[in-house]
PDB file of N, CA and C in Angstrom:
ATOM      1  N   UNK A   1     194.901 281.029 139.788  1.00  0.00           N
ATOM      2  CA  UNK A   1     194.407 280.187 141.067  1.00  0.00           C
ATOM      3  C   UNK A   1     195.307 280.529 142.237  1.00  0.00           C
ATOM      4  N   UNK A   2     194.461 280.726 143.137  1.00  0.00           N
ATOM      5  CA  UNK A   2     195.214 280.992 144.479  1.00  0.00           C
ATOM      6  C   UNK A   2     194.950 279.892 145.437  1.00  0.00           C
ATOM      7  N   UNK A   3     195.852 279.555 146.301  1.00  0.00           N
ATOM      8  CA  UNK A   3     195.543 278.816 147.200  1.00  0.00           C
ATOM      9  C   UNK A   3     196.045 279.106 148.715  1.00  0.00           C
ATOM     10  N   UNK A   4     194.948 278.999 149.971  1.00  0.00           N
ATOM     11  CA  UNK A   4     195.359 279.387 151.241  1.00  0.00           C
ATOM     12  C   UNK A   4     195.108 278.334 151.860  1.00  0.00           C
ATOM     13  N   UNK A   5     196.134 278.155 152.884  1.00  0.00           N
ATOM     14  CA  UNK A   5     196.084 277.057 153.761  1.00  0.00           C
ATOM     15  C   UNK A   5     195.543 277.904 155.135  1.00  0.00           C
ATOM     16  N   UNK A   6     195.023 276.960 155.721  1.00  0.00           N
ATOM     17  CA  UNK A   6     194.557 277.521 157.307  1.00  0.00           C
ATOM     18  C   UNK A   6     194.287 275.906 158.071  1.00  0.00           C
ATOM     19  N   UNK A   7     194.592 276.015 159.330  1.00  0.00           N
ATOM     20  CA  UNK A   7     194.434 274.667 160.139  1.00  0.00           C
ATOM     21  C   UNK A   7     193.172 274.992 161.166  1.00  0.00           C
ATOM     22  N   UNK A   8     192.281 273.761 161.158  1.00  0.00           N
ATOM     23  CA  UNK A   8     191.119 273.678 162.059  1.00  0.00           C
ATOM     24  C   UNK A   8     191.103 272.459 162.713  1.00  0.00           C
ATOM     25  N   UNK A   9     191.548 272.542 164.032  1.00  0.00           N
ATOM     26  CA  UNK A   9     191.877 271.327 164.828  1.00  0.00           C
ATOM     27  C   UNK A   9     193.036 270.489 164.200  1.00  0.00           C
ATOM     28  N   UNK A  10     192.900 269.582 163.990  1.00  0.00           N
ATOM     29  CA  UNK A  10     193.742 268.219 163.253  1.00  0.00           C
ATOM     30  C   UNK A  10     193.605 268.439 161.790  1.00  0.00           C
ATOM     31  N   UNK A  11     192.749 269.236 161.213  1.00  0.00           N
ATOM     32  CA  UNK A  11     192.587 269.157 159.853  1.00  0.00           C
ATOM     33  C   UNK A  11     193.288 270.577 159.026  1.00  0.00           C
ATOM     34  N   UNK A  12     193.973 270.254 158.053  1.00  0.00           N
ATOM     35  CA  UNK A  12     194.454 271.310 157.313  1.00  0.00           C
ATOM     36  C   UNK A  12     193.234 271.621 156.055  1.00  0.00           C
ATOM     37  N   UNK A  13     192.938 272.599 156.091  1.00  0.00           N
ATOM     38  CA  UNK A  13     192.211 273.485 154.875  1.00  0.00           C
ATOM     39  C   UNK A  13     192.716 273.823 153.971  1.00  0.00           C
ATOM     40  N   UNK A  14     192.357 273.916 152.761  1.00  0.00           N
ATOM     41  CA  UNK A  14     192.684 274.457 151.539  1.00  0.00           C
ATOM     42  C   UNK A  14     191.808 274.862 150.891  1.00  0.00           C
ATOM     43  N   UNK A  15     191.862 276.233 150.516  1.00  0.00           N
ATOM     44  CA  UNK A  15     190.942 277.071 150.028  1.00  0.00           C
ATOM     45  C   UNK A  15     191.505 277.301 148.805  1.00  0.00           C
ATOM     46  N   UNK A  16     190.848 276.751 147.740  1.00  0.00           N
ATOM     47  CA  UNK A  16     190.943 276.899 146.434  1.00  0.00           C
ATOM     48  C   UNK A  16     190.158 278.069 145.924  1.00  0.00           C
ATOM     49  N   UNK A  17     190.725 279.182 145.106  1.00  0.00           N
ATOM     50  CA  UNK A  17     189.808 280.081 144.522  1.00  0.00           C
ATOM     51  C   UNK A  17     190.664 279.955 143.041  1.00  0.00           C
ATOM     52  N   UNK A  18     189.662 280.314 141.874  1.00  0.00           N
ATOM     53  CA  UNK A  18     189.949 280.331 140.519  1.00  0.00           C
ATOM     54  C   UNK A  18     189.738 279.305 139.733  1.00  0.00           C
ATOM     55  N   UNK A  19     190.396 279.068 138.585  1.00  0.00           N
ATOM     56  CA  UNK A  19     190.351 277.904 137.896  1.00  0.00           C
ATOM     57  C   UNK A  19     191.352 276.926 138.189  1.00  0.00           C
ATOM     58  N   UNK A  20     191.048 275.874 138.307  1.00  0.00           N
ATOM     59  CA  UNK A  20     191.749 274.640 138.405  1.00  0.00           C
ATOM     60  C   UNK A  20     192.066 274.161 137.093  1.00  0.00           C
ATOM     61  N   UNK A  21     193.021 274.390 136.214  1.00  0.00           N
ATOM     62  CA  UNK A  21     193.646 274.031 134.888  1.00  0.00           C
ATOM     63  C   UNK A  21     194.963 273.709 134.748  1.00  0.00           C
ATOM     64  N   UNK A  22     195.229 273.161 133.614  1.00  0.00           N
ATOM     65  CA  UNK A  22     196.551 272.830 133.035  1.00  0.00           C
ATOM     66  C   UNK A  22     197.485 273.828 133.435  1.00  0.00           C
ATOM     67  N   UNK A  23     198.336 273.455 134.143  1.00  0.00           N
ATOM     68  CA  UNK A  23     199.654 274.721 134.167  1.00  0.00           C
ATOM     69  C   UNK A  23     199.959 275.269 135.599  1.00  0.00           C
ATOM     70  N   UNK A  24     199.594 276.282 135.956  1.00  0.00           N
ATOM     71  CA  UNK A  24     199.625 276.839 137.560  1.00  0.00           C
ATOM     72  C   UNK A  24     198.814 276.351 138.416  1.00  0.00           C
ATOM     73  N   UNK A  25     197.438 276.152 138.005  1.00  0.00           N
ATOM     74  CA  UNK A  25     196.787 275.836 139.328  1.00  0.00           C
ATOM     75  C   UNK A  25     196.820 274.213 139.559  1.00  0.00           C
ATOM     76  N   UNK A  26     197.182 273.372 138.565  1.00  0.00           N
ATOM     77  CA  UNK A  26     197.497 271.908 139.064  1.00  0.00           C
ATOM     78  C   UNK A  26     198.674 271.992 139.753  1.00  0.00           C
ATOM     79  N   UNK A  27     199.966 272.709 139.108  1.00  0.00           N
ATOM     80  CA  UNK A  27     201.015 272.493 140.074  1.00  0.00           C
ATOM     81  C   UNK A  27     200.936 272.850 141.469  1.00  0.00           C
ATOM     82  N   UNK A  28     200.656 274.117 141.700  1.00  0.00           N
ATOM     83  CA  UNK A  28     199.992 274.794 142.761  1.00  0.00           C
ATOM     84  C   UNK A  28     199.371 273.806 143.921  1.00  0.00           C
ATOM     85  N   UNK A  29     198.720 272.982 143.483  1.00  0.00           N
ATOM     86  CA  UNK A  29     197.599 272.297 144.236  1.00  0.00           C
ATOM     87  C   UNK A  29     198.764 271.145 144.524  1.00  0.00           C
ATOM     88  N   UNK A  30     199.348 270.307 143.864  1.00  0.00           N
ATOM     89  CA  UNK A  30     200.088 269.414 143.699  1.00  0.00           C
ATOM     90  C   UNK A  30     201.363 269.680 144.692  1.00  0.00           C
ATOM     91  N   UNK A  31     202.210 271.028 144.690  1.00  0.00           N
ATOM     92  CA  UNK A  31     203.231 271.403 145.682  1.00  0.00           C
ATOM     93  C   UNK A  31     202.723 271.297 146.643  1.00  0.00           C
ATOM     94  N   UNK A  32     201.498 272.097 147.062  1.00  0.00           N
ATOM     95  CA  UNK A  32     200.999 272.182 148.266  1.00  0.00           C
ATOM     96  C   UNK A  32     200.787 271.287 149.169  1.00  0.00           C
ATOM     97  N   UNK A  33     199.952 270.024 148.463  1.00  0.00           N
ATOM     98  CA  UNK A  33     199.794 268.979 149.044  1.00  0.00           C
ATOM     99  C   UNK A  33     200.997 268.105 149.530  1.00  0.00           C
ATOM    100  N   UNK A  34     201.648 267.790 148.642  1.00  0.00           N
ATOM    101  CA  UNK A  34     202.958 267.200 148.963  1.00  0.00           C
ATOM    102  C   UNK A  34     203.734 267.716 150.043  1.00  0.00           C
ATOM    103  N   UNK A  35     203.662 269.011 150.282  1.00  0.00           N
ATOM    104  CA  UNK A  35     204.082 269.683 151.070  1.00  0.00           C
ATOM    105  C   UNK A  35     203.481 269.511 152.457  1.00  0.00           C
ATOM    106  N   UNK A  36     202.317 269.599 152.351  1.00  0.00           N
ATOM    107  CA  UNK A  36     201.401 268.881 153.854  1.00  0.00           C
ATOM    108  C   UNK A  36     201.824 267.321 154.246  1.00  0.00           C
ATOM    109  N   UNK A  37     201.989 266.727 153.449  1.00  0.00           N
ATOM    110  CA  UNK A  37     201.912 265.391 153.627  1.00  0.00           C
ATOM    111  C   UNK A  37     203.614 265.279 153.917  1.00  0.00           C
ATOM    112  N   UNK A  38     204.449 265.767 153.571  1.00  0.00           N
ATOM    113  CA  UNK A  38     205.824 265.556 154.116  1.00  0.00           C
ATOM    114  C   UNK A  38     206.072 266.136 155.215  1.00  0.00           C
ATOM    115  N   UNK A  39     205.325 266.893 155.740  1.00  0.00           N
ATOM    116  CA  UNK A  39     205.213 267.891 157.018  1.00  0.00           C
ATOM    117  C   UNK A  39     204.352 266.852 158.053  1.00  0.00           C
ATOM    118  N   UNK A  40     204.001 265.686 157.606  1.00  0.00           N
ATOM    119  CA  UNK A  40     203.302 264.886 158.371  1.00  0.00           C
ATOM    120  C   UNK A  40     201.713 265.224 158.737  1.00  0.00           C
ATOM    121  N   UNK A  41     201.143 266.010 157.936  1.00  0.00           N
ATOM    122  CA  UNK A  41     199.601 266.426 158.037  1.00  0.00           C
ATOM    123  C   UNK A  41     198.806 265.147 157.313  1.00  0.00           C
ATOM    124  N   UNK A  42     198.257 264.607 158.222  1.00  0.00           N
ATOM    125  CA  UNK A  42     197.038 263.465 157.491  1.00  0.00           C
ATOM    126  C   UNK A  42     195.702 263.868 157.042  1.00  0.00           C
ATOM    127  N   UNK A  43     195.362 264.890 157.711  1.00  0.00           N
ATOM    128  CA  UNK A  43     193.908 265.371 157.479  1.00  0.00           C
ATOM    129  C   UNK A  43     193.885 266.353 156.659  1.00  0.00           C
ATOM    130  N   UNK A  44     193.381 266.206 155.072  1.00  0.00           N
ATOM    131  CA  UNK A  44     193.442 267.449 154.703  1.00  0.00           C
ATOM    132  C   UNK A  44     191.883 267.636 153.786  1.00  0.00           C
ATOM    133  N   UNK A  45     191.286 268.811 153.842  1.00  0.00           N
ATOM    134  CA  UNK A  45     190.175 269.229 153.658  1.00  0.00           C
ATOM    135  C   UNK A  45     190.292 270.343 152.141  1.00  0.00           C
ATOM    136  N   UNK A  46     189.855 269.876 151.068  1.00  0.00           N
ATOM    137  CA  UNK A  46     189.816 270.920 149.980  1.00  0.00           C
ATOM    138  C   UNK A  46     188.865 271.515 149.724  1.00  0.00           C
ATOM    139  N   UNK A  47     188.869 272.691 150.245  1.00  0.00           N
ATOM    140  CA  UNK A  47     187.517 273.549 150.050  1.00  0.00           C
ATOM    141  C   UNK A  47     187.531 274.044 148.507  1.00  0.00           C
ATOM    142  N   UNK A  48     186.677 273.444 147.732  1.00  0.00           N
ATOM    143  CA  UNK A  48     186.290 274.093 146.314  1.00  0.00           C
ATOM    144  C   UNK A  48     185.394 274.737 146.094  1.00  0.00           C
ATOM    145  N   UNK A  49     184.993 275.757 147.006  1.00  0.00           N
ATOM    146  CA  UNK A  49     183.752 276.748 147.053  1.00  0.00           C
ATOM    147  C   UNK A  49     184.152 277.727 146.229  1.00  0.00           C
ATOM    148  N   UNK A  50     185.527 278.068 145.946  1.00  0.00           N
ATOM    149  CA  UNK A  50     185.849 279.248 145.159  1.00  0.00           C
ATOM    150  C   UNK A  50     186.376 278.791 143.592  1.00  0.00           C
ATOM    151  N   UNK A  51     186.418 277.640 143.492  1.00  0.00           N
ATOM    152  CA  UNK A  51     186.586 276.949 141.941  1.00  0.00           C
ATOM    153  C   UNK A  51     185.726 277.442 140.858  1.00  0.00           C
ATOM    154  N   UNK A  52     185.982 278.036 140.028  1.00  0.00           N
ATOM    155  CA  UNK A  52     185.035 278.645 138.892  1.00  0.00           C
ATOM    156  C   UNK A  52     184.899 277.647 137.862  1.00  0.00           C
ATOM    157  N   UNK A  53     186.052 277.041 137.492  1.00  0.00           N
ATOM    158  CA  UNK A  53     186.133 276.361 136.382  1.00  0.00           C
ATOM    159  C   UNK A  53     187.394 275.313 136.852  1.00  0.00           C
ATOM    160  N   UNK A  54     187.025 273.979 136.038  1.00  0.00           N
ATOM    161  CA  UNK A  54     188.295 272.752 136.078  1.00  0.00           C
ATOM    162  C   UNK A  54     188.336 272.272 134.916  1.00  0.00           C
ATOM    163  N   UNK A  55     189.530 271.940 134.402  1.00  0.00           N
ATOM    164  CA  UNK A  55     189.277 271.301 133.254  1.00  0.00           C
ATOM    165  C   UNK A  55     189.822 269.833 133.608  1.00  0.00           C
ATOM    166  N   UNK A  56     190.242 268.894 132.326  1.00  0.00           N
ATOM    167  CA  UNK A  56     190.478 267.405 132.413  1.00  0.00           C
ATOM    168  C   UNK A  56     192.007 267.323 133.386  1.00  0.00           C
ATOM    169  N   UNK A  57     192.881 268.211 133.334  1.00  0.00           N
ATOM    170  CA  UNK A  57     194.036 268.351 134.000  1.00  0.00           C
ATOM    171  C   UNK A  57     193.760 268.711 135.592  1.00  0.00           C
ATOM    172  N   UNK A  58     192.669 269.424 135.790  1.00  0.00           N
ATOM    173  CA  UNK A  58     192.494 269.854 137.169  1.00  0.00           C
ATOM    174  C   UNK A  58     191.441 268.431 137.885  1.00  0.00           C
ATOM    175  N   UNK A  59     190.739 267.815 136.965  1.00  0.00           N
ATOM    176  CA  UNK A  59     190.313 266.320 137.443  1.00  0.00           C
ATOM    177  C   UNK A  59     191.461 265.854 138.158  1.00  0.00           C
ATOM    178  N   UNK A  60     192.365 265.425 136.961  1.00  0.00           N
ATOM    179  CA  UNK A  60     193.414 264.431 136.929  1.00  0.00           C
ATOM    180  C   UNK A  60     194.579 264.650 138.361  1.00  0.00           C
ATOM    181  N   UNK A  61     194.410 266.193 138.331  1.00  0.00           N
ATOM    182  CA  UNK A  61     195.335 266.522 139.718  1.00  0.00           C
ATOM    183  C   UNK A  61     194.478 266.394 141.073  1.00  0.00           C
ATOM    184  N   UNK A  62     193.377 266.171 140.949  1.00  0.00           N
ATOM    185  CA  UNK A  62     192.167 265.878 142.256  1.00  0.00           C
ATOM    186  C   UNK A  62     192.385 264.522 142.403  1.00  0.00           C
ATOM    187  N   UNK A  63     192.330 263.719 141.487  1.00  0.00           N
ATOM    188  CA  UNK A  63     192.687 262.114 141.912  1.00  0.00           C
ATOM    189  C   UNK A  63     194.106 262.032 142.162  1.00  0.00           C
ATOM    190  N   UNK A  64     195.275 262.652 141.904  1.00  0.00           N
ATOM    191  CA  UNK A  64     196.678 262.431 142.106  1.00  0.00           C
ATOM    192  C   UNK A  64     196.856 262.832 143.463  1.00  0.00           C
ATOM    193  N   UNK A  65     195.927 264.085 143.847  1.00  0.00           N
ATOM    194  CA  UNK A  65     195.996 264.261 145.389  1.00  0.00           C
ATOM    195  C   UNK A  65     195.613 263.192 146.152  1.00  0.00           C
ATOM    196  N   UNK A  66     194.389 262.833 145.978  1.00  0.00           N
ATOM    197  CA  UNK A  66     193.724 261.852 146.754  1.00  0.00           C
ATOM    198  C   UNK A  66     194.731 260.697 146.857  1.00  0.00           C
ATOM    199  N   UNK A  67     195.250 260.190 145.717  1.00  0.00           N
ATOM    200  CA  UNK A  67     196.150 258.899 145.764  1.00  0.00           C
ATOM    201  C   UNK A  67     197.058 259.265 146.654  1.00  0.00           C
ATOM    202  N   UNK A  68     197.880 260.677 146.567  1.00  0.00           N
ATOM    203  CA  UNK A  68     199.093 260.911 147.327  1.00  0.00           C
ATOM    204  C   UNK A  68     198.837 260.849 148.775  1.00  0.00           C
ATOM    205  N   UNK A  69     197.838 261.384 149.349  1.00  0.00           N
ATOM    206  CA  UNK A  69     197.351 261.712 150.729  1.00  0.00           C
ATOM    207  C   UNK A  69     196.923 260.276 150.990  1.00  0.00           C
ATOM    208  N   UNK A  70     196.285 259.345 150.534  1.00  0.00           N
ATOM    209  CA  UNK A  70     196.090 258.138 151.219  1.00  0.00           C
ATOM    210  C   UNK A  70     196.915 257.122 151.108  1.00  0.00           C
ATOM    211  N   UNK A  71     197.917 257.455 150.139  1.00  0.00           N
ATOM    212  CA  UNK A  71     198.874 256.132 150.398  1.00  0.00           C
ATOM    213  C   UNK A  71     199.786 256.358 151.442  1.00  0.00           C
ATOM    214  N   UNK A  72     200.100 257.818 151.952  1.00  0.00           N
ATOM    215  CA  UNK A  72     200.826 258.092 152.969  1.00  0.00           C
ATOM    216  C   UNK A  72     200.086 258.019 154.234  1.00  0.00           C
ATOM    217  N   UNK A  73     198.838 257.140 154.059  1.00  0.00           N
ATOM    218  CA  UNK A  73     198.236 257.101 155.468  1.00  0.00           C
ATOM    219  C   UNK A  73     197.385 258.054 156.086  1.00  0.00           C
ATOM    220  N   UNK A  74     196.927 258.977 155.043  1.00  0.00           N
ATOM    221  CA  UNK A  74     196.121 260.209 155.399  1.00  0.00           C
ATOM    222  C   UNK A  74     194.450 260.211 154.766  1.00  0.00           C
ATOM    223  N   UNK A  75     194.199 261.125 154.782  1.00  0.00           N
ATOM    224  CA  UNK A  75     192.625 261.257 154.451  1.00  0.00           C
ATOM    225  C   UNK A  75     192.477 262.359 153.844  1.00  0.00           C
ATOM    226  N   UNK A  76     191.599 262.393 152.699  1.00  0.00           N
ATOM    227  CA  UNK A  76     191.398 263.665 152.041  1.00  0.00           C
ATOM    228  C   UNK A  76     189.821 263.943 151.703  1.00  0.00           C
ATOM    229  N   UNK A  77     189.154 264.978 152.130  1.00  0.00           N
ATOM    230  CA  UNK A  77     187.788 265.338 151.555  1.00  0.00           C
ATOM    231  C   UNK A  77     187.726 266.579 151.193  1.00  0.00           C
ATOM    232  N   UNK A  78     186.467 266.639 150.361  1.00  0.00           N
ATOM    233  CA  UNK A  78     186.420 268.294 149.513  1.00  0.00           C
ATOM    234  C   UNK A  78     185.038 268.511 149.872  1.00  0.00           C
ATOM    235  N   UNK A  79     184.860 269.848 150.150  1.00  0.00           N
ATOM    236  CA  UNK A  79     183.536 270.797 150.785  1.00  0.00           C
ATOM    237  C   UNK A  79     183.311 271.770 149.710  1.00  0.00           C
ATOM    238  N   UNK A  80     182.119 271.984 149.829  1.00  0.00           N
ATOM    239  CA  UNK A  80     181.654 273.497 149.215  1.00  0.00           C
ATOM    240  C   UNK A  80     181.722 273.684 147.562  1.00  0.00           C
ATOM    241  N   UNK A  81     181.371 272.284 147.129  1.00  0.00           N
ATOM    242  CA  UNK A  81     181.430 272.245 145.636  1.00  0.00           C
ATOM    243  C   UNK A  81     180.280 273.047 145.110  1.00  0.00           C
ATOM    244  N   UNK A  82     180.614 273.768 144.123  1.00  0.00           N
ATOM    245  CA  UNK A  82     179.582 274.433 143.238  1.00  0.00           C
ATOM    246  C   UNK A  82     178.834 273.517 142.427  1.00  0.00           C
ATOM    247  N   UNK A  83     178.095 273.922 141.921  1.00  0.00           N
ATOM    248  CA  UNK A  83     176.903 273.006 141.015  1.00  0.00           C
ATOM    249  C   UNK A  83     177.876 272.738 139.619  1.00  0.00           C
ATOM    250  N   UNK A  84     178.648 273.828 139.141  1.00  0.00           N
ATOM    251  CA  UNK A  84     179.468 273.151 137.856  1.00  0.00           C
ATOM    252  C   UNK A  84     180.495 272.451 138.167  1.00  0.00           C
ATOM    253  N   UNK A  85     181.176 272.349 139.559  1.00  0.00           N
ATOM    254  CA  UNK A  85     182.443 271.539 139.534  1.00  0.00           C
ATOM    255  C   UNK A  85     181.577 270.128 140.149  1.00  0.00           C
ATOM    256  N   UNK A  86     180.439 269.873 140.705  1.00  0.00           N
ATOM    257  CA  UNK A  86     179.734 269.083 141.105  1.00  0.00           C
ATOM    258  C   UNK A  86     179.487 268.268 140.052  1.00  0.00           C
ATOM    259  N   UNK A  87     178.831 268.765 138.895  1.00  0.00           N
ATOM    260  CA  UNK A  87     178.180 267.949 137.687  1.00  0.00           C
ATOM    261  C   UNK A  87     179.553 267.582 137.046  1.00  0.00           C
ATOM    262  N   UNK A  88     180.701 268.301 136.998  1.00  0.00           N
ATOM    263  CA  UNK A  88     182.068 267.722 136.350  1.00  0.00           C
ATOM    264  C   UNK A  88     182.387 266.379 136.788  1.00  0.00           C
ATOM    265  N   UNK A  89     182.395 266.581 138.146  1.00  0.00           N
ATOM    266  CA  UNK A  89     183.014 265.182 139.223  1.00  0.00           C
ATOM    267  C   UNK A  89     182.178 264.136 139.012  1.00  0.00           C
ATOM    268  N   UNK A  90     180.619 264.440 139.065  1.00  0.00           N
ATOM    269  CA  UNK A  90     179.708 263.509 138.730  1.00  0.00           C
ATOM    270  C   UNK A  90     179.696 262.768 137.249  1.00  0.00           C
ATOM    271  N   UNK A  91     179.821 263.430 136.360  1.00  0.00           N
ATOM    272  CA  UNK A  91     179.969 263.251 135.041  1.00  0.00           C
ATOM    273  C   UNK A  91     181.200 262.246 134.898  1.00  0.00           C
ATOM    274  N   UNK A  92     182.200 262.853 135.061  1.00  0.00           N
ATOM    275  CA  UNK A  92     183.617 261.875 135.234  1.00  0.00           C
ATOM    276  C   UNK A  92     184.123 260.709 136.142  1.00  0.00           C
ATOM    277  N   UNK A  93     182.773 260.869 137.220  1.00  0.00           N
ATOM    278  CA  UNK A  93     182.763 259.630 138.227  1.00  0.00           C
ATOM    279  C   UNK A  93     184.083 259.818 139.101  1.00  0.00           C
ATOM    280  N   UNK A  94     184.525 261.253 139.166  1.00  0.00           N
ATOM    281  CA  UNK A  94     185.640 261.660 140.155  1.00  0.00           C
ATOM    282  C   UNK A  94     185.052 261.462 141.580  1.00  0.00           C
ATOM    283  N   UNK A  95     183.887 261.914 141.350  1.00  0.00           N
ATOM    284  CA  UNK A  95     183.264 262.149 142.773  1.00  0.00           C
ATOM    285  C   UNK A  95     183.013 260.968 143.818  1.00  0.00           C
ATOM    286  N   UNK A  96     183.107 259.681 143.106  1.00  0.00           N
ATOM    287  CA  UNK A  96     183.322 258.638 143.734  1.00  0.00           C
ATOM    288  C   UNK A  96     184.490 258.298 144.393  1.00  0.00           C
ATOM    289  N   UNK A  97     185.020 258.811 144.271  1.00  0.00           N
ATOM    290  CA  UNK A  97     186.478 258.693 144.956  1.00  0.00           C
ATOM    291  C   UNK A  97     186.744 259.560 146.251  1.00  0.00           C
ATOM    292  N   UNK A  98     186.017 260.697 146.232  1.00  0.00           N
ATOM    293  CA  UNK A  98     185.976 261.538 147.155  1.00  0.00           C
ATOM    294  C   UNK A  98     184.980 261.462 148.267  1.00  0.00           C
ATOM    295  N   UNK A  99     185.127 261.796 149.318  1.00  0.00           N
ATOM    296  CA  UNK A  99     183.984 262.139 150.397  1.00  0.00           C
ATOM    297  C   UNK A  99     183.848 263.595 150.449  1.00  0.00           C
ATOM    298  N   UNK A 100     182.516 263.925 149.718  1.00  0.00           N
ATOM    299  CA  UNK A 100     182.038 265.330 149.654  1.00  0.00           C
ATOM    300  C   UNK A 100     181.000 265.627 150.674  1.00  0.00           C
ATOM    301  N   UNK A 101     181.255 266.923 151.057  1.00  0.00           N
ATOM    302  CA  UNK A 101     180.355 267.392 152.113  1.00  0.00           C
ATOM    303  C   UNK A 101     179.875 268.730 151.588  1.00  0.00           C
ATOM    304  N   UNK A 102     178.572 269.232 151.935  1.00  0.00           N
ATOM    305  CA  UNK A 102     178.094 270.363 151.767  1.00  0.00           C
ATOM    306  C   UNK A 102     178.769 271.364 152.284  1.00  0.00           C
ATOM    307  N   UNK A 103     179.458 271.693 153.522  1.00  0.00           N
ATOM    308  CA  UNK A 103     179.940 272.389 154.453  1.00  0.00           C
ATOM    309  C   UNK A 103     181.282 271.828 154.842  1.00  0.00           C
ATOM    310  N   UNK A 104     182.085 272.955 155.322  1.00  0.00           N
ATOM    311  CA  UNK A 104     183.479 272.592 155.672  1.00  0.00           C
ATOM    312  C   UNK A 104     183.307 272.115 157.198  1.00  0.00           C
ATOM    313  N   UNK A 105     182.124 272.857 157.767  1.00  0.00           N
ATOM    314  CA  UNK A 105     181.841 271.881 159.275  1.00  0.00           C
ATOM    315  C   UNK A 105     181.592 270.636 159.185  1.00  0.00           C
ATOM    316  N   UNK A 106     180.729 270.010 158.286  1.00  0.00           N
ATOM    317  CA  UNK A 106     180.387 268.890 158.117  1.00  0.00           C
ATOM    318  C   UNK A 106     181.436 268.178 157.760  1.00  0.00           C
ATOM    319  N   UNK A 107     182.351 268.452 156.835  1.00  0.00           N
ATOM    320  CA  UNK A 107     183.655 267.769 156.666  1.00  0.00           C
ATOM    321  C   UNK A 107     184.550 267.447 157.517  1.00  0.00           C
ATOM    322  N   UNK A 108     184.641 268.542 158.298  1.00  0.00           N
ATOM    323  CA  UNK A 108     185.709 268.668 159.496  1.00  0.00           C
ATOM    324  C   UNK A 108     185.038 267.554 160.353  1.00  0.00           C
ATOM    325  N   UNK A 109     183.772 267.371 160.823  1.00  0.00           N
ATOM    326  CA  UNK A 109     183.284 266.866 161.631  1.00  0.00           C
ATOM    327  C   UNK A 109     183.495 265.284 161.403  1.00  0.00           C
ATOM    328  N   UNK A 110     183.430 265.065 160.068  1.00  0.00           N
ATOM    329  CA  UNK A 110     183.352 263.908 159.608  1.00  0.00           C
ATOM    330  C   UNK A 110     185.059 263.114 159.853  1.00  0.00           C
ATOM    331  N   UNK A 111     185.897 264.172 159.853  1.00  0.00           N
ATOM    332  CA  UNK A 111     187.411 263.499 160.187  1.00  0.00           C
ATOM    333  C   UNK A 111     187.440 262.941 161.704  1.00  0.00           C
ATOM    334  N   UNK A 112     186.851 263.808 162.480  1.00  0.00           N
ATOM    335  CA  UNK A 112     186.695 263.486 163.906  1.00  0.00           C
ATOM    336  C   UNK A 112     186.286 261.997 164.236  1.00  0.00           C
ATOM    337  N   UNK A 113     185.008 261.761 163.158  1.00  0.00           N
ATOM    338  CA  UNK A 113     184.628 260.136 163.569  1.00  0.00           C
ATOM    339  C   UNK A 113     185.395 258.930 162.935  1.00  0.00           C
ATOM    340  N   UNK A 114     186.476 259.472 162.147  1.00  0.00           N
ATOM    341  CA  UNK A 114     187.110 258.328 161.441  1.00  0.00           C
ATOM    342  C   UNK A 114     188.207 257.733 162.853  1.00  0.00           C
TER     343      UNK A 114
END
């Protein structure tokens, strides 16, 4: 799993690539988001377009990440979900927790309207 961070306006975009699984992938995501929230970033977009596989630990980390950001008064959204990830999030009902968008631009625009 690799994670890249970039900023678009007031939104921090986190590009995830690879497998979001127990161990390194979930730990990297947790550390990155905690660091961003600690630095005062309140608008976070997870770009999941590069996630090829996710296990139950990955699902759990997504939920924990959502909880962490919202408890600090922030917002988190997801974008560019692959069919495999969309199916997994739908079946597990995790998709109901997130605001999900088909494109990054659409998600960033949704932050501006809040």
